[in-house]
Amino acid sequence: MSEELHRDFLLAALRAASARTKAMEADINTIGVALKGNLIGADTAVRWVREAGLLWLIGALPEDVGKLGAKELLPDASIIS
């Protein structure tokens, strides 16, 4: 590949990475708003972050945070309707 093709490829990869980070930020913000508004509990928030593959961004959590409680497997249906 020529230097110009390498440059174009790298620019495209950087644009894709930028889009992925914006999507991650939107996921984190959505989870934070739901948690702050008491629409979900801490266990659900941690589960959603984990399911989004973003737990590594939070770092260490206290041992009891994020244990899934049976009552919080899904958000309360009343907040959706």
PDB file of N, CA and C in Angstrom:
ATOM      1  N   MET A   1       0.842  -1.179   0.000  1.00  0.00           N
ATOM      2  CA  MET A   1       0.000   0.000   0.000  1.00  0.00           C
ATOM      3  C   MET A   1       0.884   1.239   0.000  1.00  0.00           C
ATOM      4  N   SER A   2       0.427   2.249  -0.682  1.00  0.00           N
ATOM      5  CA  SER A   2       1.192   3.488  -0.726  1.00  0.00           C
ATOM      6  C   SER A   2       0.991   4.277   0.568  1.00  0.00           C
ATOM      7  N   GLU A   3       1.853   5.241   0.763  1.00  0.00           N
ATOM      8  CA  GLU A   3       1.768   6.101   1.952  1.00  0.00           C
ATOM      9  C   GLU A   3       0.408   6.805   2.006  1.00  0.00           C
ATOM     10  N   GLU A   4      -0.091   7.239   0.868  1.00  0.00           N
ATOM     11  CA  GLU A   4      -1.384   7.932   0.830  1.00  0.00           C
ATOM     12  C   GLU A   4      -2.524   6.987   1.222  1.00  0.00           C
ATOM     13  N   LEU A   5      -2.470   5.747   0.757  1.00  0.00           N
ATOM     14  CA  LEU A   5      -3.504   4.774   1.135  1.00  0.00           C
ATOM     15  C   LEU A   5      -3.432   4.448   2.619  1.00  0.00           C
ATOM     16  N   HIS A   6      -2.222   4.347   3.160  1.00  0.00           N
ATOM     17  CA  HIS A   6      -2.063   4.118   4.596  1.00  0.00           C
ATOM     18  C   HIS A   6      -2.679   5.280   5.374  1.00  0.00           C
ATOM     19  N   ARG A   7      -2.398   6.487   4.923  1.00  0.00           N
ATOM     20  CA  ARG A   7      -2.928   7.691   5.575  1.00  0.00           C
ATOM     21  C   ARG A   7      -4.449   7.690   5.526  1.00  0.00           C
ATOM     22  N   ASP A   8      -5.027   7.400   4.349  1.00  0.00           N
ATOM     23  CA  ASP A   8      -6.485   7.380   4.205  1.00  0.00           C
ATOM     24  C   ASP A   8      -7.118   6.311   5.091  1.00  0.00           C
ATOM     25  N   PHE A   9      -6.473   5.143   5.138  1.00  0.00           N
ATOM     26  CA  PHE A   9      -6.978   4.068   5.982  1.00  0.00           C
ATOM     27  C   PHE A   9      -6.951   4.480   7.453  1.00  0.00           C
ATOM     28  N   LEU A  10      -5.853   5.066   7.885  1.00  0.00           N
ATOM     29  CA  LEU A  10      -5.733   5.498   9.277  1.00  0.00           C
ATOM     30  C   LEU A  10      -6.749   6.576   9.614  1.00  0.00           C
ATOM     31  N   LEU A  11      -6.969   7.504   8.715  1.00  0.00           N
ATOM     32  CA  LEU A  11      -7.975   8.545   8.950  1.00  0.00           C
ATOM     33  C   LEU A  11      -9.362   7.933   9.098  1.00  0.00           C
ATOM     34  N   ALA A  12      -9.695   6.960   8.259  1.00  0.00           N
ATOM     35  CA  ALA A  12     -10.993   6.293   8.358  1.00  0.00           C
ATOM     36  C   ALA A  12     -11.110   5.537   9.688  1.00  0.00           C
ATOM     37  N   ALA A  13     -10.040   4.881  10.090  1.00  0.00           N
ATOM     38  CA  ALA A  13     -10.049   4.155  11.364  1.00  0.00           C
ATOM     39  C   ALA A  13     -10.212   5.120  12.532  1.00  0.00           C
ATOM     40  N   LEU A  14      -9.588   6.277  12.466  1.00  0.00           N
ATOM     41  CA  LEU A  14      -9.727   7.284  13.527  1.00  0.00           C
ATOM     42  C   LEU A  14     -11.147   7.837  13.579  1.00  0.00           C
ATOM     43  N   ARG A  15     -11.769   8.038  12.420  1.00  0.00           N
ATOM     44  CA  ARG A  15     -13.160   8.503  12.401  1.00  0.00           C
ATOM     45  C   ARG A  15     -14.083   7.452  13.021  1.00  0.00           C
ATOM     46  N   ALA A  16     -13.838   6.189  12.707  1.00  0.00           N
ATOM     47  CA  ALA A  16     -14.649   5.107  13.275  1.00  0.00           C
ATOM     48  C   ALA A  16     -14.460   5.032  14.793  1.00  0.00           C
ATOM     49  N   ALA A  17     -13.226   5.175  15.248  1.00  0.00           N
ATOM     50  CA  ALA A  17     -12.951   5.157  16.686  1.00  0.00           C
ATOM     51  C   ALA A  17     -13.647   6.324  17.380  1.00  0.00           C
ATOM     52  N   SER A  18     -13.649   7.468  16.750  1.00  0.00           N
ATOM     53  CA  SER A  18     -14.323   8.635  17.316  1.00  0.00           C
ATOM     54  C   SER A  18     -15.826   8.381  17.448  1.00  0.00           C
ATOM     55  N   ALA A  19     -16.411   7.774  16.429  1.00  0.00           N
ATOM     56  CA  ALA A  19     -17.843   7.461  16.479  1.00  0.00           C
ATOM     57  C   ALA A  19     -18.140   6.455  17.590  1.00  0.00           C
ATOM     58  N   ARG A  20     -17.272   5.459  17.763  1.00  0.00           N
ATOM     59  CA  ARG A  20     -17.474   4.469  18.829  1.00  0.00           C
ATOM     60  C   ARG A  20     -17.386   5.122  20.207  1.00  0.00           C
ATOM     61  N   THR A  21     -16.450   6.051  20.388  1.00  0.00           N
ATOM     62  CA  THR A  21     -16.341   6.701  21.699  1.00  0.00           C
ATOM     63  C   THR A  21     -17.560   7.578  21.978  1.00  0.00           C
ATOM     64  N   LYS A  22     -18.121   8.194  20.957  1.00  0.00           N
ATOM     65  CA  LYS A  22     -19.341   8.982  21.150  1.00  0.00           C
ATOM     66  C   LYS A  22     -20.508   8.084  21.541  1.00  0.00           C
ATOM     67  N   ALA A  23     -20.584   6.898  20.945  1.00  0.00           N
ATOM     68  CA  ALA A  23     -21.638   5.947  21.302  1.00  0.00           C
ATOM     69  C   ALA A  23     -21.454   5.469  22.738  1.00  0.00           C
ATOM     70  N   MET A  24     -20.210   5.220  23.142  1.00  0.00           N
ATOM     71  CA  MET A  24     -19.939   4.811  24.527  1.00  0.00           C
ATOM     72  C   MET A  24     -20.350   5.909  25.488  1.00  0.00           C
ATOM     73  N   GLU A  25     -20.025   7.144  25.155  1.00  0.00           N
ATOM     74  CA  GLU A  25     -20.391   8.278  26.011  1.00  0.00           C
ATOM     75  C   GLU A  25     -21.905   8.381  26.149  1.00  0.00           C
ATOM     76  N   ALA A  26     -22.617   8.190  25.045  1.00  0.00           N
ATOM     77  CA  ALA A  26     -24.080   8.245  25.097  1.00  0.00           C
ATOM     78  C   ALA A  26     -24.635   7.139  25.987  1.00  0.00           C
ATOM     79  N   ASP A  27     -24.087   5.934  25.900  1.00  0.00           N
ATOM     80  CA  ASP A  27     -24.523   4.831  26.759  1.00  0.00           C
ATOM     81  C   ASP A  27     -24.293   5.169  28.230  1.00  0.00           C
ATOM     82  N   ILE A  28     -23.110   5.654  28.544  1.00  0.00           N
ATOM     83  CA  ILE A  28     -22.779   5.986  29.935  1.00  0.00           C
ATOM     84  C   ILE A  28     -23.694   7.096  30.455  1.00  0.00           C
ATOM     85  N   ASN A  29     -23.929   8.121  29.646  1.00  0.00           N
ATOM     86  CA  ASN A  29     -24.798   9.216  30.062  1.00  0.00           C
ATOM     87  C   ASN A  29     -26.232   8.750  30.291  1.00  0.00           C
ATOM     88  N   THR A  30     -26.719   7.872  29.411  1.00  0.00           N
ATOM     89  CA  THR A  30     -28.080   7.344  29.559  1.00  0.00           C
ATOM     90  C   THR A  30     -28.216   6.560  30.852  1.00  0.00           C
ATOM     91  N   ILE A  31     -27.242   5.720  31.137  1.00  0.00           N
ATOM     92  CA  ILE A  31     -27.275   4.932  32.368  1.00  0.00           C
ATOM     93  C   ILE A  31     -27.189   5.855  33.581  1.00  0.00           C
ATOM     94  N   GLY A  32     -26.345   6.865  33.513  1.00  0.00           N
ATOM     95  CA  GLY A  32     -26.213   7.810  34.619  1.00  0.00           C
ATOM     96  C   GLY A  32     -27.487   8.585  34.886  1.00  0.00           C
ATOM     97  N   VAL A  33     -28.167   9.013  33.832  1.00  0.00           N
ATOM     98  CA  VAL A  33     -29.427   9.750  33.993  1.00  0.00           C
ATOM     99  C   VAL A  33     -30.490   8.848  34.620  1.00  0.00           C
ATOM    100  N   ALA A  34     -30.562   7.608  34.151  1.00  0.00           N
ATOM    101  CA  ALA A  34     -31.545   6.674  34.713  1.00  0.00           C
ATOM    102  C   ALA A  34     -31.250   6.401  36.184  1.00  0.00           C
ATOM    103  N   LEU A  35     -29.981   6.244  36.530  1.00  0.00           N
ATOM    104  CA  LEU A  35     -29.606   5.999  37.918  1.00  0.00           C
ATOM    105  C   LEU A  35     -29.897   7.218  38.786  1.00  0.00           C
ATOM    106  N   LYS A  36     -29.531   8.402  38.304  1.00  0.00           N
ATOM    107  CA  LYS A  36     -29.764   9.631  39.068  1.00  0.00           C
ATOM    108  C   LYS A  36     -31.258   9.885  39.282  1.00  0.00           C
ATOM    109  N   GLY A  37     -32.067   9.549  38.282  1.00  0.00           N
ATOM    110  CA  GLY A  37     -33.513   9.753  38.386  1.00  0.00           C
ATOM    111  C   GLY A  37     -34.236   8.636  39.115  1.00  0.00           C
ATOM    112  N   ASN A  38     -33.477   7.734  39.718  1.00  0.00           N
ATOM    113  CA  ASN A  38     -34.049   6.602  40.457  1.00  0.00           C
ATOM    114  C   ASN A  38     -34.934   5.715  39.593  1.00  0.00           C
ATOM    115  N   LEU A  39     -34.645   5.681  38.293  1.00  0.00           N
ATOM    116  CA  LEU A  39     -35.384   4.798  37.402  1.00  0.00           C
ATOM    117  C   LEU A  39     -34.810   3.387  37.429  1.00  0.00           C
ATOM    118  N   ILE A  40     -33.545   3.290  37.812  1.00  0.00           N
ATOM    119  CA  ILE A  40     -32.878   2.002  37.979  1.00  0.00           C
ATOM    120  C   ILE A  40     -32.037   2.073  39.246  1.00  0.00           C
ATOM    121  N   GLY A  41     -31.697   0.925  39.778  1.00  0.00           N
ATOM    122  CA  GLY A  41     -30.835   0.865  40.954  1.00  0.00           C
ATOM    123  C   GLY A  41     -29.383   0.685  40.535  1.00  0.00           C
ATOM    124  N   ALA A  42     -28.514   0.696  41.513  1.00  0.00           N
ATOM    125  CA  ALA A  42     -27.081   0.565  41.254  1.00  0.00           C
ATOM    126  C   ALA A  42     -26.745  -0.778  40.605  1.00  0.00           C
ATOM    127  N   ASP A  43     -27.403  -1.848  41.055  1.00  0.00           N
ATOM    128  CA  ASP A  43     -27.130  -3.165  40.472  1.00  0.00           C
ATOM    129  C   ASP A  43     -27.452  -3.187  38.979  1.00  0.00           C
ATOM    130  N   THR A  44     -28.594  -2.621  38.622  1.00  0.00           N
ATOM    131  CA  THR A  44     -28.991  -2.575  37.217  1.00  0.00           C
ATOM    132  C   THR A  44     -28.040  -1.695  36.418  1.00  0.00           C
ATOM    133  N   ALA A  45     -27.652  -0.570  36.986  1.00  0.00           N
ATOM    134  CA  ALA A  45     -26.724   0.318  36.290  1.00  0.00           C
ATOM    135  C   ALA A  45     -25.406  -0.391  35.997  1.00  0.00           C
ATOM    136  N   VAL A  46     -24.891  -1.102  36.985  1.00  0.00           N
ATOM    137  CA  VAL A  46     -23.637  -1.827  36.781  1.00  0.00           C
ATOM    138  C   VAL A  46     -23.824  -2.918  35.734  1.00  0.00           C
ATOM    139  N   ARG A  47     -24.968  -3.601  35.773  1.00  0.00           N
ATOM    140  CA  ARG A  47     -25.226  -4.652  34.782  1.00  0.00           C
ATOM    141  C   ARG A  47     -25.290  -4.061  33.381  1.00  0.00           C
ATOM    142  N   TRP A  48     -25.970  -2.920  33.235  1.00  0.00           N
ATOM    143  CA  TRP A  48     -26.066  -2.289  31.921  1.00  0.00           C
ATOM    144  C   TRP A  48     -24.696  -1.845  31.421  1.00  0.00           C
ATOM    145  N   VAL A  49     -23.894  -1.281  32.326  1.00  0.00           N
ATOM    146  CA  VAL A  49     -22.538  -0.873  31.944  1.00  0.00           C
ATOM    147  C   VAL A  49     -21.738  -2.097  31.506  1.00  0.00           C
ATOM    148  N   ARG A  50     -21.876  -3.196  32.264  1.00  0.00           N
ATOM    149  CA  ARG A  50     -21.167  -4.428  31.916  1.00  0.00           C
ATOM    150  C   ARG A  50     -21.638  -4.956  30.563  1.00  0.00           C
ATOM    151  N   GLU A  51     -22.955  -4.954  30.331  1.00  0.00           N
ATOM    152  CA  GLU A  51     -23.495  -5.443  29.062  1.00  0.00           C
ATOM    153  C   GLU A  51     -23.051  -4.587  27.883  1.00  0.00           C
ATOM    154  N   ALA A  52     -22.829  -3.303  28.128  1.00  0.00           N
ATOM    155  CA  ALA A  52     -22.338  -2.410  27.073  1.00  0.00           C
ATOM    156  C   ALA A  52     -20.836  -2.570  26.852  1.00  0.00           C
ATOM    157  N   GLY A  53     -20.193  -3.385  27.689  1.00  0.00           N
ATOM    158  CA  GLY A  53     -18.752  -3.600  27.570  1.00  0.00           C
ATOM    159  C   GLY A  53     -17.923  -2.434  28.066  1.00  0.00           C
ATOM    160  N   LEU A  54     -18.475  -1.662  28.996  1.00  0.00           N
ATOM    161  CA  LEU A  54     -17.813  -0.436  29.445  1.00  0.00           C
ATOM    162  C   LEU A  54     -17.386  -0.462  30.900  1.00  0.00           C
ATOM    163  N   LEU A  55     -17.496  -1.606  31.530  1.00  0.00           N
ATOM    164  CA  LEU A  55     -17.147  -1.684  32.952  1.00  0.00           C
ATOM    165  C   LEU A  55     -15.690  -1.299  33.201  1.00  0.00           C
ATOM    166  N   TRP A  56     -14.829  -1.562  32.257  1.00  0.00           N
ATOM    167  CA  TRP A  56     -13.407  -1.222  32.405  1.00  0.00           C
ATOM    168  C   TRP A  56     -13.204   0.283  32.569  1.00  0.00           C
ATOM    169  N   LEU A  57     -14.152   1.090  32.102  1.00  0.00           N
ATOM    170  CA  LEU A  57     -14.022   2.539  32.247  1.00  0.00           C
ATOM    171  C   LEU A  57     -14.293   3.004  33.678  1.00  0.00           C
ATOM    172  N   ILE A  58     -15.082   2.229  34.410  1.00  0.00           N
ATOM    173  CA  ILE A  58     -15.425   2.610  35.783  1.00  0.00           C
ATOM    174  C   ILE A  58     -14.292   2.278  36.736  1.00  0.00           C
ATOM    175  N   GLY A  59     -13.640   1.177  36.506  1.00  0.00           N
ATOM    176  CA  GLY A  59     -12.564   0.757  37.399  1.00  0.00           C
ATOM    177  C   GLY A  59     -13.099  -0.061  38.543  1.00  0.00           C
ATOM    178  N   ALA A  60     -12.436   0.020  39.683  1.00  0.00           N
ATOM    179  CA  ALA A  60     -12.788  -0.800  40.848  1.00  0.00           C
ATOM    180  C   ALA A  60     -14.088  -0.314  41.477  1.00  0.00           C
ATOM    181  N   LEU A  61     -14.914  -1.267  41.860  1.00  0.00           N
ATOM    182  CA  LEU A  61     -16.163  -0.981  42.557  1.00  0.00           C
ATOM    183  C   LEU A  61     -16.131  -1.676  43.906  1.00  0.00           C
ATOM    184  N   PRO A  62     -16.807  -1.113  44.910  1.00  0.00           N
ATOM    185  CA  PRO A  62     -16.916  -1.844  46.172  1.00  0.00           C
ATOM    186  C   PRO A  62     -17.518  -3.224  45.917  1.00  0.00           C
ATOM    187  N   GLU A  63     -17.154  -4.188  46.730  1.00  0.00           N
ATOM    188  CA  GLU A  63     -17.532  -5.584  46.491  1.00  0.00           C
ATOM    189  C   GLU A  63     -19.034  -5.794  46.350  1.00  0.00           C
ATOM    190  N   ASP A  64     -19.842  -5.078  47.138  1.00  0.00           N
ATOM    191  CA  ASP A  64     -21.280  -5.317  47.111  1.00  0.00           C
ATOM    192  C   ASP A  64     -22.016  -4.521  46.038  1.00  0.00           C
ATOM    193  N   VAL A  65     -21.356  -3.633  45.319  1.00  0.00           N
ATOM    194  CA  VAL A  65     -22.005  -2.873  44.252  1.00  0.00           C
ATOM    195  C   VAL A  65     -21.995  -3.725  42.996  1.00  0.00           C
ATOM    196  N   GLY A  66     -23.152  -3.842  42.380  1.00  0.00           N
ATOM    197  CA  GLY A  66     -23.238  -4.557  41.123  1.00  0.00           C
ATOM    198  C   GLY A  66     -23.681  -5.994  41.234  1.00  0.00           C
ATOM    199  N   LYS A  67     -23.954  -6.462  42.450  1.00  0.00           N
ATOM    200  CA  LYS A  67     -24.508  -7.805  42.579  1.00  0.00           C
ATOM    201  C   LYS A  67     -25.961  -7.742  42.131  1.00  0.00           C
ATOM    202  N   LEU A  68     -26.301  -8.574  41.184  1.00  0.00           N
ATOM    203  CA  LEU A  68     -27.650  -8.522  40.632  1.00  0.00           C
ATOM    204  C   LEU A  68     -28.668  -9.037  41.629  1.00  0.00           C
ATOM    205  N   GLY A  69     -29.619  -8.161  41.970  1.00  0.00           N
ATOM    206  CA  GLY A  69     -30.723  -8.570  42.821  1.00  0.00           C
ATOM    207  C   GLY A  69     -31.844  -9.120  41.953  1.00  0.00           C
ATOM    208  N   ALA A  70     -32.568 -10.054  42.448  1.00  0.00           N
ATOM    209  CA  ALA A  70     -33.639 -10.682  41.678  1.00  0.00           C
ATOM    210  C   ALA A  70     -34.690  -9.658  41.253  1.00  0.00           C
ATOM    211  N   LYS A  71     -34.903  -8.628  42.074  1.00  0.00           N
ATOM    212  CA  LYS A  71     -35.919  -7.630  41.745  1.00  0.00           C
ATOM    213  C   LYS A  71     -35.477  -6.688  40.635  1.00  0.00           C
ATOM    214  N   GLU A  72     -34.192  -6.663  40.304  1.00  0.00           N
ATOM    215  CA  GLU A  72     -33.716  -5.678  39.343  1.00  0.00           C
ATOM    216  C   GLU A  72     -33.207  -6.298  38.051  1.00  0.00           C
ATOM    217  N   LEU A  73     -33.751  -7.447  37.675  1.00  0.00           N
ATOM    218  CA  LEU A  73     -33.320  -8.053  36.420  1.00  0.00           C
ATOM    219  C   LEU A  73     -33.756  -7.208  35.231  1.00  0.00           C
ATOM    220  N   LEU A  74     -34.892  -6.543  35.331  1.00  0.00           N
ATOM    221  CA  LEU A  74     -35.377  -5.647  34.288  1.00  0.00           C
ATOM    222  C   LEU A  74     -35.883  -4.390  34.949  1.00  0.00           C
ATOM    223  N   PRO A  75     -35.853  -3.232  34.234  1.00  0.00           N
ATOM    224  CA  PRO A  75     -36.403  -2.010  34.822  1.00  0.00           C
ATOM    225  C   PRO A  75     -37.910  -2.180  35.064  1.00  0.00           C
ATOM    226  N   ASP A  76     -38.412  -1.456  35.999  1.00  0.00           N
ATOM    227  CA  ASP A  76     -39.846  -1.485  36.322  1.00  0.00           C
ATOM    228  C   ASP A  76     -40.646  -1.106  35.076  1.00  0.00           C
ATOM    229  N   ALA A  77     -41.576  -1.953  34.691  1.00  0.00           N
ATOM    230  CA  ALA A  77     -42.370  -1.720  33.482  1.00  0.00           C
ATOM    231  C   ALA A  77     -43.202  -0.447  33.597  1.00  0.00           C
ATOM    232  N   SER A  78     -43.541  -0.012  34.803  1.00  0.00           N
ATOM    233  CA  SER A  78     -44.360   1.180  34.964  1.00  0.00           C
ATOM    234  C   SER A  78     -43.668   2.445  34.489  1.00  0.00           C
ATOM    235  N   ILE A  79     -42.331   2.445  34.468  1.00  0.00           N
ATOM    236  CA  ILE A  79     -41.628   3.653  34.007  1.00  0.00           C
ATOM    237  C   ILE A  79     -41.569   3.730  32.489  1.00  0.00           C
ATOM    238  N   ILE A  80     -41.841   2.604  31.829  1.00  0.00           N
ATOM    239  CA  ILE A  80     -41.784   2.573  30.376  1.00  0.00           C
ATOM    240  C   ILE A  80     -43.116   2.998  29.776  1.00  0.00           C
ATOM    241  N   SER A  81     -44.210   2.630  30.433  1.00  0.00           N
ATOM    242  CA  SER A  81     -45.529   2.921  29.869  1.00  0.00           C
ATOM    243  C   SER A  81     -45.990   4.319  30.145  1.00  0.00           C
TER     244      SER A  81
END
